[in-house]
Amino acid sequence: MTKILGINGASRSYGLTYTLLRTALKGAEEEGAEIEIINLIEYDIKPCMGCLCDQQDACRYPCLIEDDMRKLYDKVLEADGIIFSTPIYWFSPSGIMKNFIDRLTALENMIVIEGRSWLEGKIAGIIAVGNDQGAVQAISTLMTTLVSMGFMIPPFAMAYYVGECREPSYDSLMDAYNLGRNVSMLTKLLKDKKIIWYRTLSRREMEALMHEVGEEIKRNRDREWIVRKSIIERFMTKMKSSVSLK
């Protein structure tokens, strides 16, 4: 059985952010996943110190900051998929969601320590809710960050609602439900498959690769420049003729 973790980045567990998250987890549950919800507001999560800029290999598991992230890291590592649900605060994820994701850098930076991000291959879905605009911007910010950390995003893995904070729309509920289903289905498809998504090449391997690519680029340039040069020369000749006629 796969495990899906729902991360509630709202300060309440009775609002629309939680409602869509719970709907998504119902979809995951119906696909056979074990589910768990984490309300971030209930945990002490301090801001990231950015220690990797002082010494990159100091950013690792367990994080040097002593707070509740130590408990949450283990839950993240145990999960096959994670659904991030956040309210929209000024076109962005909430502060507590941002702190949580920033602190996941300790798991992502294990690529420097061991050659592999500990988040690589985990499946993610994203939900954003607000009474103003900014849903797609908030989702795009999270999606770019999560993919850069090694998460995989299945089809239709986003849901959002923008409007008065009363009841979500039918469409947003359907999107959330299918988001949960798809996160769950992809975790099942990839469960126990040993796939290396990010391979680190040695400098010698990269030099050999770039030599091969460089030779192809040189051939392309030699072939294409003949045509491009001819077009430019004809244009410049035409321009000079036009000027002389004046």
Foldseek 3Di string as FASTA:
>chain_A
DAEEEEEQLDLDCPWPLNVLSVLLQVLLVVLPHHYDYDDLNVWDQDADPPCCVVPVVQLAPPHPDDTCVNVVVVVLLRHQEYEYGAEQDPLAGDPSSVRSLNSLVNQLSCCVVPVHRSLANREYAYEYEEQDDNGVSHVVVVVVSSVSSHYDYFPLRYAYAYRDTDDGDPVRSVSSSVNSNRSNVVSVVCPPPDDDPDGDDDPVVVVVVVVVVVVVVVVVCVVVVVVVVVVVVVVVVVVVVVVVVD
